[in-house]
Every structure is written in structure tokens, then in C-alpha cells.
Amino acid sequence: MSFTWDNKKPTAQMLGRWQPFHDGHYALFEEIIKKTGQVCIQVRDVQGVDDNPFNFETVKKNIEERLNPKYKNRFKVMLVPNITK
């Protein structure tokens, strides 16, 4: 089945560092996507701060490689400021 992202459709949000995107994150994604069918994954801009070695492009690539086989076009990955509160 093909899926097309729709900005007007209800969308779940996941905000984090994803350093790295691991099995726990994947399990959380699988629960969240059941609620709306699409998820916006926001990556905090934290490269080089404390224990955050990966830049945004690496984090995005890791997330896409993990999610695309099953969830292609059902998520977007975007960079956001270092939101903490």
C-alpha cells in the first residue's frame, strides 16, 4: 500500500537527540504511528554539545535507514533548535 504525506492530516511528533536512533526509539515510533498514521521526527540541534557526536545528516540517515523499509513516506525528519523546555 502506498502512503502520501499530508501536512493537514493529524500528525504525531517525536522530539529528541536520537544519538543514536535505537531499538527503544523504534518501538516508541511504532506505538506513536498507530495513533495518526504519520509522524514528524524532530532532531534537536545538539551536535558537539556534551555526548552528541552525530550531526543532523547522520542522524537523519540512520532514522531513514531504519524506518523506510516499513514506513516509507509516513514520517518526516527535521532539524529544530536545541529545545529543552
PDB file of N, CA and C in Angstrom:
ATOM      1  N   MET A   1       0.828  -1.177   0.000  1.00  0.00           N
ATOM      2  CA  MET A   1       0.000   0.000   0.000  1.00  0.00           C
ATOM      3  C   MET A   1       0.880   1.252   0.000  1.00  0.00           C
ATOM      4  N   SER A   2       0.529   2.207  -0.821  1.00  0.00           N
ATOM      5  CA  SER A   2       1.276   3.451  -0.937  1.00  0.00           C
ATOM      6  C   SER A   2       0.711   4.487   0.033  1.00  0.00           C
ATOM      7  N   PHE A   3       1.584   5.307   0.568  1.00  0.00           N
ATOM      8  CA  PHE A   3       1.169   6.344   1.505  1.00  0.00           C
ATOM      9  C   PHE A   3       1.716   7.673   1.028  1.00  0.00           C
ATOM     10  N   THR A   4       0.912   8.721   1.107  1.00  0.00           N
ATOM     11  CA  THR A   4       1.348  10.067   0.763  1.00  0.00           C
ATOM     12  C   THR A   4       1.216  10.951   1.995  1.00  0.00           C
ATOM     13  N   TRP A   5       2.293  11.637   2.344  1.00  0.00           N
ATOM     14  CA  TRP A   5       2.295  12.547   3.484  1.00  0.00           C
ATOM     15  C   TRP A   5       1.286  13.659   3.230  1.00  0.00           C
ATOM     16  N   ASP A   6       0.558  14.051   4.277  1.00  0.00           N
ATOM     17  CA  ASP A   6      -0.424  15.130   4.179  1.00  0.00           C
ATOM     18  C   ASP A   6      -0.228  16.072   5.364  1.00  0.00           C
ATOM     19  N   ASN A   7       0.264  17.295   5.094  1.00  0.00           N
ATOM     20  CA  ASN A   7       0.522  18.258   6.169  1.00  0.00           C
ATOM     21  C   ASN A   7      -0.736  18.650   6.935  1.00  0.00           C
ATOM     22  N   LYS A   8      -1.894  18.476   6.361  1.00  0.00           N
ATOM     23  CA  LYS A   8      -3.134  18.863   7.021  1.00  0.00           C
ATOM     24  C   LYS A   8      -3.723  17.742   7.886  1.00  0.00           C
ATOM     25  N   LYS A   9      -3.192  16.556   7.726  1.00  0.00           N
ATOM     26  CA  LYS A   9      -3.661  15.404   8.492  1.00  0.00           C
ATOM     27  C   LYS A   9      -3.089  15.459   9.913  1.00  0.00           C
ATOM     28  N   PRO A  10      -3.834  15.002  10.920  1.00  0.00           N
ATOM     29  CA  PRO A  10      -3.262  14.915  12.264  1.00  0.00           C
ATOM     30  C   PRO A  10      -1.938  14.140  12.226  1.00  0.00           C
ATOM     31  N   THR A  11      -0.953  14.681  12.918  1.00  0.00           N
ATOM     32  CA  THR A  11       0.407  14.144  12.865  1.00  0.00           C
ATOM     33  C   THR A  11       0.970  14.041  14.276  1.00  0.00           C
ATOM     34  N   ALA A  12       1.585  12.923  14.580  1.00  0.00           N
ATOM     35  CA  ALA A  12       2.268  12.766  15.866  1.00  0.00           C
ATOM     36  C   ALA A  12       3.658  13.389  15.769  1.00  0.00           C
ATOM     37  N   GLN A  13       4.193  13.783  16.921  1.00  0.00           N
ATOM     38  CA  GLN A  13       5.503  14.421  16.985  1.00  0.00           C
ATOM     39  C   GLN A  13       6.413  13.622  17.908  1.00  0.00           C
ATOM     40  N   MET A  14       7.648  13.435  17.467  1.00  0.00           N
ATOM     41  CA  MET A  14       8.684  12.850  18.320  1.00  0.00           C
ATOM     42  C   MET A  14       9.851  13.833  18.331  1.00  0.00           C
ATOM     43  N   LEU A  15      10.235  14.302  19.489  1.00  0.00           N
ATOM     44  CA  LEU A  15      11.331  15.249  19.635  1.00  0.00           C
ATOM     45  C   LEU A  15      12.439  14.584  20.426  1.00  0.00           C
ATOM     46  N   GLY A  16      13.659  14.665  19.920  1.00  0.00           N
ATOM     47  CA  GLY A  16      14.774  14.083  20.651  1.00  0.00           C
ATOM     48  C   GLY A  16      16.106  14.360  20.000  1.00  0.00           C
ATOM     49  N   ARG A  17      17.153  13.778  20.589  1.00  0.00           N
ATOM     50  CA  ARG A  17      18.505  13.900  20.045  1.00  0.00           C
ATOM     51  C   ARG A  17      18.782  12.784  19.056  1.00  0.00           C
ATOM     52  N   TRP A  18      18.277  11.586  19.358  1.00  0.00           N
ATOM     53  CA  TRP A  18      18.438  10.395  18.514  1.00  0.00           C
ATOM     54  C   TRP A  18      19.918  10.089  18.288  1.00  0.00           C
ATOM     55  N   GLN A  19      20.696  10.065  19.369  1.00  0.00           N
ATOM     56  CA  GLN A  19      22.143   9.862  19.322  1.00  0.00           C
ATOM     57  C   GLN A  19      22.541   8.540  19.983  1.00  0.00           C
ATOM     58  N   PRO A  20      22.324   7.417  19.371  1.00  0.00           N
ATOM     59  CA  PRO A  20      21.743   7.149  18.051  1.00  0.00           C
ATOM     60  C   PRO A  20      20.261   6.788  18.165  1.00  0.00           C
ATOM     61  N   PHE A  21      19.619   6.568  17.019  1.00  0.00           N
ATOM     62  CA  PHE A  21      18.245   6.074  16.950  1.00  0.00           C
ATOM     63  C   PHE A  21      18.316   4.570  17.220  1.00  0.00           C
ATOM     64  N   HIS A  22      17.799   4.123  18.374  1.00  0.00           N
ATOM     65  CA  HIS A  22      17.984   2.729  18.795  1.00  0.00           C
ATOM     66  C   HIS A  22      16.654   1.973  18.859  1.00  0.00           C
ATOM     67  N   ASP A  23      16.708   0.727  19.296  1.00  0.00           N
ATOM     68  CA  ASP A  23      15.524  -0.142  19.326  1.00  0.00           C
ATOM     69  C   ASP A  23      14.382   0.442  20.165  1.00  0.00           C
ATOM     70  N   GLY A  24      14.708   1.096  21.252  1.00  0.00           N
ATOM     71  CA  GLY A  24      13.678   1.716  22.082  1.00  0.00           C
ATOM     72  C   GLY A  24      12.958   2.835  21.340  1.00  0.00           C
ATOM     73  N   HIS A  25      13.725   3.634  20.589  1.00  0.00           N
ATOM     74  CA  HIS A  25      13.113   4.689  19.774  1.00  0.00           C
ATOM     75  C   HIS A  25      12.208   4.077  18.705  1.00  0.00           C
ATOM     76  N   TYR A  26      12.675   2.999  18.104  1.00  0.00           N
ATOM     77  CA  TYR A  26      11.888   2.327  17.063  1.00  0.00           C
ATOM     78  C   TYR A  26      10.567   1.805  17.637  1.00  0.00           C
ATOM     79  N   ALA A  27      10.630   1.197  18.806  1.00  0.00           N
ATOM     80  CA  ALA A  27       9.416   0.679  19.448  1.00  0.00           C
ATOM     81  C   ALA A  27       8.449   1.819  19.774  1.00  0.00           C
ATOM     82  N   LEU A  28       8.974   2.934  20.259  1.00  0.00           N
ATOM     83  CA  LEU A  28       8.141   4.098  20.543  1.00  0.00           C
ATOM     84  C   LEU A  28       7.498   4.620  19.257  1.00  0.00           C
ATOM     85  N   PHE A  29       8.273   4.704  18.175  1.00  0.00           N
ATOM     86  CA  PHE A  29       7.742   5.136  16.880  1.00  0.00           C
ATOM     87  C   PHE A  29       6.587   4.235  16.456  1.00  0.00           C
ATOM     88  N   GLU A  30       6.754   2.936  16.600  1.00  0.00           N
ATOM     89  CA  GLU A  30       5.707   2.002  16.180  1.00  0.00           C
ATOM     90  C   GLU A  30       4.413   2.200  16.971  1.00  0.00           C
ATOM     91  N   GLU A  31       4.507   2.560  18.230  1.00  0.00           N
ATOM     92  CA  GLU A  31       3.304   2.837  19.022  1.00  0.00           C
ATOM     93  C   GLU A  31       2.678   4.168  18.612  1.00  0.00           C
ATOM     94  N   ILE A  32       3.506   5.167  18.398  1.00  0.00           N
ATOM     95  CA  ILE A  32       3.006   6.504  18.065  1.00  0.00           C
ATOM     96  C   ILE A  32       2.336   6.527  16.702  1.00  0.00           C
ATOM     97  N   ILE A  33       2.906   5.866  15.712  1.00  0.00           N
ATOM     98  CA  ILE A  33       2.354   5.932  14.361  1.00  0.00           C
ATOM     99  C   ILE A  33       0.962   5.306  14.285  1.00  0.00           C
ATOM    100  N   LYS A  34       0.652   4.416  15.208  1.00  0.00           N
ATOM    101  CA  LYS A  34      -0.686   3.810  15.251  1.00  0.00           C
ATOM    102  C   LYS A  34      -1.767   4.860  15.530  1.00  0.00           C
ATOM    103  N   LYS A  35      -1.402   5.939  16.186  1.00  0.00           N
ATOM    104  CA  LYS A  35      -2.377   6.953  16.592  1.00  0.00           C
ATOM    105  C   LYS A  35      -2.815   7.855  15.447  1.00  0.00           C
ATOM    106  N   THR A  36      -1.894   8.215  14.541  1.00  0.00           N
ATOM    107  CA  THR A  36      -2.229   9.179  13.485  1.00  0.00           C
ATOM    108  C   THR A  36      -1.865   8.711  12.081  1.00  0.00           C
ATOM    109  N   GLY A  37      -0.995   7.725  11.977  1.00  0.00           N
ATOM    110  CA  GLY A  37      -0.599   7.240  10.655  1.00  0.00           C
ATOM    111  C   GLY A  37       0.608   7.936  10.071  1.00  0.00           C
ATOM    112  N   GLN A  38       1.006   9.072  10.656  1.00  0.00           N
ATOM    113  CA  GLN A  38       2.225   9.741  10.201  1.00  0.00           C
ATOM    114  C   GLN A  38       2.867  10.459  11.382  1.00  0.00           C
ATOM    115  N   VAL A  39       4.203  10.574  11.320  1.00  0.00           N
ATOM    116  CA  VAL A  39       4.962  11.112  12.447  1.00  0.00           C
ATOM    117  C   VAL A  39       6.002  12.107  11.949  1.00  0.00           C
ATOM    118  N   CYS A  40       6.096  13.247  12.625  1.00  0.00           N
ATOM    119  CA  CYS A  40       7.152  14.224  12.379  1.00  0.00           C
ATOM    120  C   CYS A  40       8.224  13.996  13.444  1.00  0.00           C
ATOM    121  N   ILE A  41       9.406  13.583  13.009  1.00  0.00           N
ATOM    122  CA  ILE A  41      10.519  13.327  13.922  1.00  0.00           C
ATOM    123  C   ILE A  41      11.411  14.558  13.919  1.00  0.00           C
ATOM    124  N   GLN A  42      11.505  15.210  15.057  1.00  0.00           N
ATOM    125  CA  GLN A  42      12.289  16.431  15.184  1.00  0.00           C
ATOM    126  C   GLN A  42      13.600  16.111  15.883  1.00  0.00           C
ATOM    127  N   VAL A  43      14.684  16.523  15.250  1.00  0.00           N
ATOM    128  CA  VAL A  43      16.026  16.260  15.758  1.00  0.00           C
ATOM    129  C   VAL A  43      16.563  17.555  16.357  1.00  0.00           C
ATOM    130  N   ARG A  44      16.826  17.540  17.657  1.00  0.00           N
ATOM    131  CA  ARG A  44      17.411  18.716  18.309  1.00  0.00           C
ATOM    132  C   ARG A  44      18.818  18.953  17.771  1.00  0.00           C
ATOM    133  N   ASP A  45      19.156  20.213  17.529  1.00  0.00           N
ATOM    134  CA  ASP A  45      20.467  20.592  17.005  1.00  0.00           C
ATOM    135  C   ASP A  45      21.473  20.612  18.153  1.00  0.00           C
ATOM    136  N   VAL A  46      22.076  19.437  18.420  1.00  0.00           N
ATOM    137  CA  VAL A  46      22.967  19.303  19.577  1.00  0.00           C
ATOM    138  C   VAL A  46      24.351  18.761  19.223  1.00  0.00           C
ATOM    139  N   GLN A  47      24.686  18.693  17.941  1.00  0.00           N
ATOM    140  CA  GLN A  47      25.993  18.141  17.574  1.00  0.00           C
ATOM    141  C   GLN A  47      27.106  18.908  18.281  1.00  0.00           C
ATOM    142  N   GLY A  48      28.016  18.169  18.904  1.00  0.00           N
ATOM    143  CA  GLY A  48      29.162  18.765  19.568  1.00  0.00           C
ATOM    144  C   GLY A  48      28.884  19.228  20.986  1.00  0.00           C
ATOM    145  N   VAL A  49      27.638  19.178  21.423  1.00  0.00           N
ATOM    146  CA  VAL A  49      27.272  19.560  22.784  1.00  0.00           C
ATOM    147  C   VAL A  49      27.239  18.292  23.631  1.00  0.00           C
ATOM    148  N   ASP A  50      28.039  18.279  24.688  1.00  0.00           N
ATOM    149  CA  ASP A  50      28.098  17.128  25.591  1.00  0.00           C
ATOM    150  C   ASP A  50      28.363  15.834  24.817  1.00  0.00           C
ATOM    151  N   ASP A  51      27.515  14.826  25.028  1.00  0.00           N
ATOM    152  CA  ASP A  51      27.723  13.499  24.447  1.00  0.00           C
ATOM    153  C   ASP A  51      26.840  13.310  23.205  1.00  0.00           C
ATOM    154  N   ASN A  52      27.040  14.157  22.197  1.00  0.00           N
ATOM    155  CA  ASN A  52      26.228  14.136  20.979  1.00  0.00           C
ATOM    156  C   ASN A  52      27.142  14.192  19.757  1.00  0.00           C
ATOM    157  N   PRO A  53      27.730  13.066  19.378  1.00  0.00           N
ATOM    158  CA  PRO A  53      28.738  13.073  18.318  1.00  0.00           C
ATOM    159  C   PRO A  53      28.197  13.199  16.897  1.00  0.00           C
ATOM    160  N   PHE A  54      26.920  12.876  16.671  1.00  0.00           N
ATOM    161  CA  PHE A  54      26.419  12.800  15.297  1.00  0.00           C
ATOM    162  C   PHE A  54      25.814  14.117  14.835  1.00  0.00           C
ATOM    163  N   ASN A  55      26.111  14.492  13.582  1.00  0.00           N
ATOM    164  CA  ASN A  55      25.481  15.674  13.009  1.00  0.00           C
ATOM    165  C   ASN A  55      24.088  15.310  12.504  1.00  0.00           C
ATOM    166  N   PHE A  56      23.323  16.316  12.109  1.00  0.00           N
ATOM    167  CA  PHE A  56      21.942  16.094  11.685  1.00  0.00           C
ATOM    168  C   PHE A  56      21.849  15.130  10.513  1.00  0.00           C
ATOM    169  N   GLU A  57      22.703  15.285   9.519  1.00  0.00           N
ATOM    170  CA  GLU A  57      22.625  14.423   8.333  1.00  0.00           C
ATOM    171  C   GLU A  57      22.832  12.956   8.693  1.00  0.00           C
ATOM    172  N   THR A  58      23.747  12.680   9.610  1.00  0.00           N
ATOM    173  CA  THR A  58      23.988  11.299  10.044  1.00  0.00           C
ATOM    174  C   THR A  58      22.783  10.757  10.803  1.00  0.00           C
ATOM    175  N   VAL A  59      22.233  11.559  11.701  1.00  0.00           N
ATOM    176  CA  VAL A  59      21.053  11.135  12.463  1.00  0.00           C
ATOM    177  C   VAL A  59      19.889  10.868  11.512  1.00  0.00           C
ATOM    178  N   LYS A  60      19.659  11.785  10.572  1.00  0.00           N
ATOM    179  CA  LYS A  60      18.563  11.628   9.608  1.00  0.00           C
ATOM    180  C   LYS A  60      18.735  10.354   8.789  1.00  0.00           C
ATOM    181  N   LYS A  61      19.958  10.112   8.324  1.00  0.00           N
ATOM    182  CA  LYS A  61      20.250   8.910   7.528  1.00  0.00           C
ATOM    183  C   LYS A  61      19.963   7.650   8.343  1.00  0.00           C
ATOM    184  N   ASN A  62      20.404   7.625   9.601  1.00  0.00           N
ATOM    185  CA  ASN A  62      20.177   6.460  10.464  1.00  0.00           C
ATOM    186  C   ASN A  62      18.684   6.203  10.683  1.00  0.00           C
ATOM    187  N   ILE A  63      17.926   7.264  10.907  1.00  0.00           N
ATOM    188  CA  ILE A  63      16.481   7.122  11.110  1.00  0.00           C
ATOM    189  C   ILE A  63      15.823   6.604   9.838  1.00  0.00           C
ATOM    190  N   GLU A  64      16.155   7.217   8.700  1.00  0.00           N
ATOM    191  CA  GLU A  64      15.550   6.809   7.429  1.00  0.00           C
ATOM    192  C   GLU A  64      15.885   5.364   7.079  1.00  0.00           C
ATOM    193  N   GLU A  65      17.131   4.950   7.302  1.00  0.00           N
ATOM    194  CA  GLU A  65      17.510   3.563   7.004  1.00  0.00           C
ATOM    195  C   GLU A  65      16.717   2.585   7.857  1.00  0.00           C
ATOM    196  N   ARG A  66      16.444   2.960   9.089  1.00  0.00           N
ATOM    197  CA  ARG A  66      15.710   2.073   9.995  1.00  0.00           C
ATOM    198  C   ARG A  66      14.213   2.036   9.685  1.00  0.00           C
ATOM    199  N   LEU A  67      13.633   3.185   9.334  1.00  0.00           N
ATOM    200  CA  LEU A  67      12.181   3.263   9.181  1.00  0.00           C
ATOM    201  C   LEU A  67      11.678   3.044   7.756  1.00  0.00           C
ATOM    202  N   ASN A  68      12.470   3.392   6.747  1.00  0.00           N
ATOM    203  CA  ASN A  68      11.982   3.322   5.365  1.00  0.00           C
ATOM    204  C   ASN A  68      11.485   1.947   4.923  1.00  0.00           C
ATOM    205  N   PRO A  69      12.119   0.845   5.311  1.00  0.00           N
ATOM    206  CA  PRO A  69      11.621  -0.444   4.812  1.00  0.00           C
ATOM    207  C   PRO A  69      10.138  -0.683   5.110  1.00  0.00           C
ATOM    208  N   LYS A  70       9.662  -0.229   6.244  1.00  0.00           N
ATOM    209  CA  LYS A  70       8.267  -0.475   6.630  1.00  0.00           C
ATOM    210  C   LYS A  70       7.386   0.778   6.566  1.00  0.00           C
ATOM    211  N   TYR A  71       7.989   1.963   6.760  1.00  0.00           N
ATOM    212  CA  TYR A  71       7.194   3.177   6.946  1.00  0.00           C
ATOM    213  C   TYR A  71       7.528   4.302   5.958  1.00  0.00           C
ATOM    214  N   LYS A  72       8.026   3.979   4.800  1.00  0.00           N
ATOM    215  CA  LYS A  72       8.411   5.000   3.816  1.00  0.00           C
ATOM    216  C   LYS A  72       7.248   5.968   3.569  1.00  0.00           C
ATOM    217  N   ASN A  73       7.559   7.252   3.552  1.00  0.00           N
ATOM    218  CA  ASN A  73       6.616   8.356   3.316  1.00  0.00           C
ATOM    219  C   ASN A  73       5.623   8.580   4.454  1.00  0.00           C
ATOM    220  N   ARG A  74       5.761   7.856   5.554  1.00  0.00           N
ATOM    221  CA  ARG A  74       4.843   8.039   6.684  1.00  0.00           C
ATOM    222  C   ARG A  74       5.494   8.829   7.819  1.00  0.00           C
ATOM    223  N   PHE A  75       6.710   9.336   7.565  1.00  0.00           N
ATOM    224  CA  PHE A  75       7.403  10.151   8.559  1.00  0.00           C
ATOM    225  C   PHE A  75       8.254  11.197   7.853  1.00  0.00           C
ATOM    226  N   LYS A  76       8.530  12.279   8.562  1.00  0.00           N
ATOM    227  CA  LYS A  76       9.463  13.306   8.103  1.00  0.00           C
ATOM    228  C   LYS A  76      10.447  13.535   9.226  1.00  0.00           C
ATOM    229  N   VAL A  77      11.689  13.834   8.847  1.00  0.00           N
ATOM    230  CA  VAL A  77      12.737  14.128   9.820  1.00  0.00           C
ATOM    231  C   VAL A  77      13.171  15.571   9.597  1.00  0.00           C
ATOM    232  N   MET A  78      13.138  16.380  10.660  1.00  0.00           N
ATOM    233  CA  MET A  78      13.539  17.775  10.510  1.00  0.00           C
ATOM    234  C   MET A  78      14.415  18.226  11.670  1.00  0.00           C
ATOM    235  N   LEU A  79      15.301  19.163  11.372  1.00  0.00           N
ATOM    236  CA  LEU A  79      16.179  19.753  12.375  1.00  0.00           C
ATOM    237  C   LEU A  79      15.443  20.887  13.071  1.00  0.00           C
ATOM    238  N   VAL A  80      15.551  20.923  14.397  1.00  0.00           N
ATOM    239  CA  VAL A  80      14.959  22.003  15.188  1.00  0.00           C
ATOM    240  C   VAL A  80      16.015  22.522  16.162  1.00  0.00           C
ATOM    241  N   PRO A  81      15.818  23.723  16.722  1.00  0.00           N
ATOM    242  CA  PRO A  81      16.767  24.226  17.718  1.00  0.00           C
ATOM    243  C   PRO A  81      16.869  23.270  18.904  1.00  0.00           C
ATOM    244  N   ASN A  82      17.834  23.506  19.755  1.00  0.00           N
ATOM    245  CA  ASN A  82      18.047  22.667  20.935  1.00  0.00           C
ATOM    246  C   ASN A  82      16.964  22.955  21.980  1.00  0.00           C
ATOM    247  N   ILE A  83      15.757  22.498  21.680  1.00  0.00           N
ATOM    248  CA  ILE A  83      14.599  22.719  22.555  1.00  0.00           C
ATOM    249  C   ILE A  83      14.769  21.882  23.822  1.00  0.00           C
ATOM    250  N   THR A  84      14.697  22.525  24.974  1.00  0.00           N
ATOM    251  CA  THR A  84      14.887  21.807  26.239  1.00  0.00           C
ATOM    252  C   THR A  84      13.710  21.966  27.197  1.00  0.00           C
ATOM    253  N   LYS A  85      12.822  22.909  26.957  1.00  0.00           N
ATOM    254  CA  LYS A  85      11.681  23.134  27.869  1.00  0.00           C
ATOM    255  C   LYS A  85      10.426  23.375  27.090  1.00  0.00           C
TER     256      LYS A  85
END
